[in-house]
Amino acid sequence: MADRDYSKYQQKVIKRFYDNREQIDDQKLSELVTSLYLASDKQKPKMWERAKDILDRMDLPQKRVDHALDSGDPAVLAKIVEELQSGKLKRGSGKKKS
């Protein structure tokens, strides 16, 4: 895919997407919390998988991510979202293994 020739317009769209990726992830995680409260048992596993992907991309402390995912409680995930929005929890505060 690296060999594709994108038009100027496509290049700008792709650049804007990655420039705003953090805000997009924040918004999607917030929406997932709401959706998890309302979801049926059949829908929840896929939503938790999406939440895991977003949390991993945010590079939060792994202990917090594991706790939220293991609990299966949207309130725990909502607390993480609240701390992210208030600035108590910072992106990149997890230790990435090289």
N, C-alpha and C. Protein backbone atom coordinates (compact mmCIF):
# COMPACT_ATOMS: atom_id res chain seq x y z
N MET A 1 0.82 -1.18 0.00
CA MET A 1 0.00 0.00 0.00
C MET A 1 0.87 1.25 0.00
N ALA A 2 2.10 1.13 0.38
CA ALA A 2 3.00 2.28 0.41
C ALA A 2 3.31 2.77 -1.00
N ASP A 3 3.09 1.90 -2.00
CA ASP A 3 3.40 2.27 -3.38
C ASP A 3 2.25 2.99 -4.08
N ARG A 4 1.14 3.17 -3.40
CA ARG A 4 -0.01 3.83 -4.03
C ARG A 4 0.26 5.30 -4.23
N ASP A 5 -0.25 5.80 -5.34
CA ASP A 5 -0.17 7.24 -5.61
C ASP A 5 -1.52 7.85 -5.24
N TYR A 6 -1.52 8.65 -4.19
CA TYR A 6 -2.74 9.31 -3.76
C TYR A 6 -2.80 10.70 -4.39
N SER A 7 -4.01 11.15 -4.68
CA SER A 7 -4.18 12.50 -5.20
C SER A 7 -3.88 13.49 -4.07
N LYS A 8 -3.71 14.74 -4.41
CA LYS A 8 -3.45 15.78 -3.40
C LYS A 8 -4.58 15.80 -2.38
N TYR A 9 -5.80 15.71 -2.87
CA TYR A 9 -6.97 15.72 -1.98
C TYR A 9 -6.91 14.54 -1.01
N GLN A 10 -6.64 13.34 -1.52
CA GLN A 10 -6.56 12.16 -0.67
C GLN A 10 -5.45 12.29 0.36
N GLN A 11 -4.32 12.84 -0.05
CA GLN A 11 -3.21 13.04 0.87
C GLN A 11 -3.61 13.97 2.01
N LYS A 12 -4.35 15.03 1.70
CA LYS A 12 -4.80 15.97 2.73
C LYS A 12 -5.78 15.31 3.69
N VAL A 13 -6.69 14.49 3.15
CA VAL A 13 -7.66 13.79 4.00
C VAL A 13 -6.95 12.84 4.95
N ILE A 14 -6.00 12.08 4.41
CA ILE A 14 -5.24 11.14 5.24
C ILE A 14 -4.45 11.88 6.31
N LYS A 15 -3.81 12.98 5.95
CA LYS A 15 -3.03 13.77 6.91
C LYS A 15 -3.92 14.32 8.01
N ARG A 16 -5.10 14.86 7.65
CA ARG A 16 -6.01 15.40 8.66
C ARG A 16 -6.50 14.30 9.60
N PHE A 17 -6.74 13.11 9.05
CA PHE A 17 -7.17 12.00 9.89
C PHE A 17 -6.13 11.71 10.97
N TYR A 18 -4.88 11.58 10.56
CA TYR A 18 -3.83 11.25 11.53
C TYR A 18 -3.49 12.43 12.44
N ASP A 19 -3.68 13.64 11.96
CA ASP A 19 -3.47 14.81 12.82
C ASP A 19 -4.51 14.86 13.94
N ASN A 20 -5.70 14.35 13.67
CA ASN A 20 -6.80 14.41 14.63
C ASN A 20 -7.11 13.06 15.26
N ARG A 21 -6.20 12.11 15.14
CA ARG A 21 -6.44 10.75 15.61
C ARG A 21 -6.74 10.71 17.11
N GLU A 22 -6.06 11.51 17.90
CA GLU A 22 -6.29 11.49 19.35
C GLU A 22 -7.72 11.93 19.69
N GLN A 23 -8.18 12.99 19.05
CA GLN A 23 -9.53 13.47 19.31
C GLN A 23 -10.57 12.46 18.82
N ILE A 24 -10.28 11.82 17.69
CA ILE A 24 -11.20 10.81 17.17
C ILE A 24 -11.29 9.63 18.15
N ASP A 25 -10.14 9.19 18.66
CA ASP A 25 -10.14 8.08 19.62
C ASP A 25 -10.87 8.45 20.90
N ASP A 26 -10.67 9.68 21.39
CA ASP A 26 -11.38 10.13 22.59
C ASP A 26 -12.89 10.08 22.37
N GLN A 27 -13.33 10.58 21.22
CA GLN A 27 -14.75 10.61 20.91
C GLN A 27 -15.32 9.20 20.79
N LYS A 28 -14.62 8.32 20.09
CA LYS A 28 -15.10 6.95 19.92
C LYS A 28 -15.17 6.21 21.25
N LEU A 29 -14.19 6.43 22.12
CA LEU A 29 -14.21 5.77 23.42
C LEU A 29 -15.39 6.26 24.26
N SER A 30 -15.66 7.55 24.21
CA SER A 30 -16.81 8.10 24.93
C SER A 30 -18.12 7.50 24.41
N GLU A 31 -18.22 7.39 23.09
CA GLU A 31 -19.43 6.82 22.50
C GLU A 31 -19.57 5.34 22.85
N LEU A 32 -18.44 4.64 22.94
CA LEU A 32 -18.48 3.22 23.30
C LEU A 32 -19.00 3.00 24.70
N VAL A 33 -18.65 3.89 25.61
CA VAL A 33 -19.15 3.77 26.99
C VAL A 33 -20.67 3.82 26.98
N THR A 34 -21.22 4.79 26.28
CA THR A 34 -22.67 4.91 26.19
C THR A 34 -23.28 3.67 25.55
N SER A 35 -22.68 3.23 24.46
CA SER A 35 -23.19 2.06 23.75
C SER A 35 -23.13 0.80 24.60
N LEU A 36 -22.09 0.67 25.41
CA LEU A 36 -21.96 -0.51 26.26
C LEU A 36 -23.08 -0.58 27.30
N TYR A 37 -23.48 0.57 27.82
CA TYR A 37 -24.58 0.57 28.78
C TYR A 37 -25.88 0.09 28.13
N LEU A 38 -26.05 0.37 26.85
CA LEU A 38 -27.31 0.07 26.17
C LEU A 38 -27.28 -1.22 25.36
N ALA A 39 -26.11 -1.82 25.20
CA ALA A 39 -25.94 -2.96 24.31
C ALA A 39 -26.50 -4.25 24.90
N SER A 40 -26.88 -5.13 23.98
CA SER A 40 -27.30 -6.47 24.40
C SER A 40 -26.04 -7.30 24.68
N ASP A 41 -26.25 -8.42 25.33
CA ASP A 41 -25.11 -9.30 25.66
C ASP A 41 -24.39 -9.78 24.41
N LYS A 42 -25.12 -9.90 23.32
CA LYS A 42 -24.53 -10.36 22.07
C LYS A 42 -23.59 -9.32 21.47
N GLN A 43 -23.89 -8.05 21.66
CA GLN A 43 -23.11 -6.95 21.07
C GLN A 43 -21.88 -6.58 21.90
N LYS A 44 -21.92 -6.83 23.19
CA LYS A 44 -20.88 -6.36 24.09
C LYS A 44 -19.47 -6.87 23.78
N PRO A 45 -19.27 -8.14 23.45
CA PRO A 45 -17.88 -8.59 23.20
C PRO A 45 -17.18 -7.80 22.09
N LYS A 46 -17.88 -7.52 21.02
CA LYS A 46 -17.28 -6.77 19.93
C LYS A 46 -16.96 -5.34 20.36
N MET A 47 -17.83 -4.75 21.15
CA MET A 47 -17.59 -3.38 21.64
C MET A 47 -16.40 -3.34 22.58
N TRP A 48 -16.27 -4.35 23.43
CA TRP A 48 -15.11 -4.39 24.34
C TRP A 48 -13.82 -4.57 23.55
N GLU A 49 -13.88 -5.31 22.45
CA GLU A 49 -12.71 -5.47 21.60
C GLU A 49 -12.31 -4.13 20.97
N ARG A 50 -13.30 -3.36 20.53
CA ARG A 50 -13.02 -2.03 19.99
C ARG A 50 -12.43 -1.12 21.07
N ALA A 51 -12.97 -1.21 22.28
CA ALA A 51 -12.45 -0.40 23.38
C ALA A 51 -10.99 -0.78 23.67
N LYS A 52 -10.68 -2.07 23.62
CA LYS A 52 -9.30 -2.53 23.85
C LYS A 52 -8.37 -1.94 22.80
N ASP A 53 -8.77 -1.97 21.55
CA ASP A 53 -7.95 -1.42 20.47
C ASP A 53 -7.67 0.06 20.70
N ILE A 54 -8.69 0.80 21.06
CA ILE A 54 -8.53 2.24 21.28
C ILE A 54 -7.63 2.49 22.49
N LEU A 55 -7.86 1.78 23.58
CA LEU A 55 -7.05 1.96 24.79
C LEU A 55 -5.59 1.62 24.53
N ASP A 56 -5.34 0.57 23.76
CA ASP A 56 -3.97 0.21 23.43
C ASP A 56 -3.30 1.30 22.59
N ARG A 57 -4.05 1.87 21.66
CA ARG A 57 -3.52 2.93 20.82
C ARG A 57 -3.21 4.18 21.64
N MET A 58 -3.95 4.39 22.71
CA MET A 58 -3.73 5.55 23.57
C MET A 58 -2.50 5.38 24.47
N ASP A 59 -1.98 4.17 24.56
CA ASP A 59 -0.80 3.88 25.37
C ASP A 59 -1.00 4.29 26.83
N LEU A 60 -2.10 3.81 27.38
CA LEU A 60 -2.39 4.05 28.80
C LEU A 60 -1.72 2.95 29.62
N PRO A 61 -1.60 3.15 30.94
CA PRO A 61 -1.00 2.10 31.78
C PRO A 61 -1.74 0.77 31.60
N GLN A 62 -0.97 -0.27 31.33
CA GLN A 62 -1.56 -1.57 31.02
C GLN A 62 -2.41 -2.11 32.16
N LYS A 63 -2.02 -1.79 33.37
CA LYS A 63 -2.78 -2.24 34.54
C LYS A 63 -4.21 -1.69 34.52
N ARG A 64 -4.33 -0.41 34.16
CA ARG A 64 -5.66 0.23 34.07
C ARG A 64 -6.48 -0.37 32.94
N VAL A 65 -5.83 -0.59 31.81
CA VAL A 65 -6.53 -1.17 30.65
C VAL A 65 -7.02 -2.57 30.99
N ASP A 66 -6.15 -3.38 31.57
CA ASP A 66 -6.53 -4.75 31.94
C ASP A 66 -7.67 -4.76 32.94
N HIS A 67 -7.62 -3.87 33.92
CA HIS A 67 -8.69 -3.79 34.92
C HIS A 67 -10.03 -3.46 34.26
N ALA A 68 -10.02 -2.49 33.37
CA ALA A 68 -11.26 -2.08 32.70
C ALA A 68 -11.81 -3.22 31.85
N LEU A 69 -10.94 -3.89 31.13
CA LEU A 69 -11.39 -4.96 30.24
C LEU A 69 -11.83 -6.20 31.03
N ASP A 70 -11.09 -6.53 32.08
CA ASP A 70 -11.44 -7.71 32.88
C ASP A 70 -12.73 -7.52 33.66
N SER A 71 -13.00 -6.30 34.09
CA SER A 71 -14.21 -6.05 34.88
C SER A 71 -15.46 -6.18 34.02
N GLY A 72 -15.36 -5.79 32.74
CA GLY A 72 -16.54 -5.83 31.88
C GLY A 72 -17.60 -4.83 32.30
N ASP A 73 -17.20 -3.86 33.10
CA ASP A 73 -18.13 -2.87 33.63
C ASP A 73 -17.93 -1.54 32.88
N PRO A 74 -18.97 -1.05 32.21
CA PRO A 74 -18.84 0.23 31.50
C PRO A 74 -18.50 1.39 32.43
N ALA A 75 -18.83 1.29 33.72
CA ALA A 75 -18.53 2.36 34.67
C ALA A 75 -17.03 2.52 34.85
N VAL A 76 -16.28 1.42 34.81
CA VAL A 76 -14.82 1.49 34.93
C VAL A 76 -14.24 2.17 33.71
N LEU A 77 -14.77 1.84 32.54
CA LEU A 77 -14.33 2.48 31.30
C LEU A 77 -14.71 3.95 31.30
N ALA A 78 -15.88 4.26 31.84
CA ALA A 78 -16.32 5.66 31.92
C ALA A 78 -15.39 6.47 32.82
N LYS A 79 -14.89 5.85 33.88
CA LYS A 79 -13.95 6.53 34.78
C LYS A 79 -12.65 6.86 34.04
N ILE A 80 -12.18 5.96 33.20
CA ILE A 80 -10.98 6.22 32.41
C ILE A 80 -11.22 7.39 31.45
N VAL A 81 -12.38 7.39 30.80
CA VAL A 81 -12.72 8.49 29.89
C VAL A 81 -12.78 9.81 30.64
N GLU A 82 -13.38 9.79 31.83
CA GLU A 82 -13.48 11.00 32.65
C GLU A 82 -12.09 11.52 33.03
N GLU A 83 -11.20 10.61 33.42
CA GLU A 83 -9.85 11.02 33.79
C GLU A 83 -9.06 11.53 32.59
N LEU A 84 -9.28 10.96 31.43
CA LEU A 84 -8.63 11.45 30.21
C LEU A 84 -9.09 12.87 29.89
N GLN A 85 -10.40 13.10 30.01
CA GLN A 85 -10.96 14.41 29.68
C GLN A 85 -10.56 15.47 30.69
N SER A 86 -10.39 15.08 31.94
CA SER A 86 -10.01 16.06 32.97
C SER A 86 -8.51 16.29 33.02
N GLY A 87 -7.74 15.42 32.37
CA GLY A 87 -6.29 15.58 32.36
C GLY A 87 -5.57 14.82 33.46
N LYS A 88 -6.31 14.09 34.30
CA LYS A 88 -5.69 13.31 35.36
C LYS A 88 -4.91 12.12 34.81
N LEU A 89 -5.38 11.59 33.69
CA LEU A 89 -4.73 10.46 33.04
C LEU A 89 -4.24 10.94 31.68
N LYS A 90 -2.98 10.72 31.42
CA LYS A 90 -2.36 11.22 30.19
C LYS A 90 -2.13 10.09 29.20
N ARG A 91 -2.29 10.42 27.93
CA ARG A 91 -1.92 9.49 26.88
C ARG A 91 -0.42 9.26 26.93
N GLY A 92 -0.01 8.07 26.60
CA GLY A 92 1.42 7.79 26.58
C GLY A 92 2.00 7.54 27.95
N SER A 93 1.15 7.43 28.97
CA SER A 93 1.67 7.20 30.32
C SER A 93 1.99 5.73 30.57
N GLY A 94 1.63 4.87 29.62
CA GLY A 94 1.99 3.45 29.73
C GLY A 94 3.39 3.24 29.21
N LYS A 95 3.99 2.18 29.62
CA LYS A 95 5.35 1.86 29.17
C LYS A 95 5.27 0.91 28.00
N LYS A 96 5.66 1.37 26.83
CA LYS A 96 5.70 0.51 25.64
C LYS A 96 6.95 -0.33 25.69
N LYS A 97 6.82 -1.62 25.36
CA LYS A 97 7.98 -2.49 25.30
C LYS A 97 8.60 -2.37 23.93
N SER A 98 9.90 -2.20 23.88
CA SER A 98 10.58 -2.04 22.59
C SER A 98 11.14 -3.36 22.12
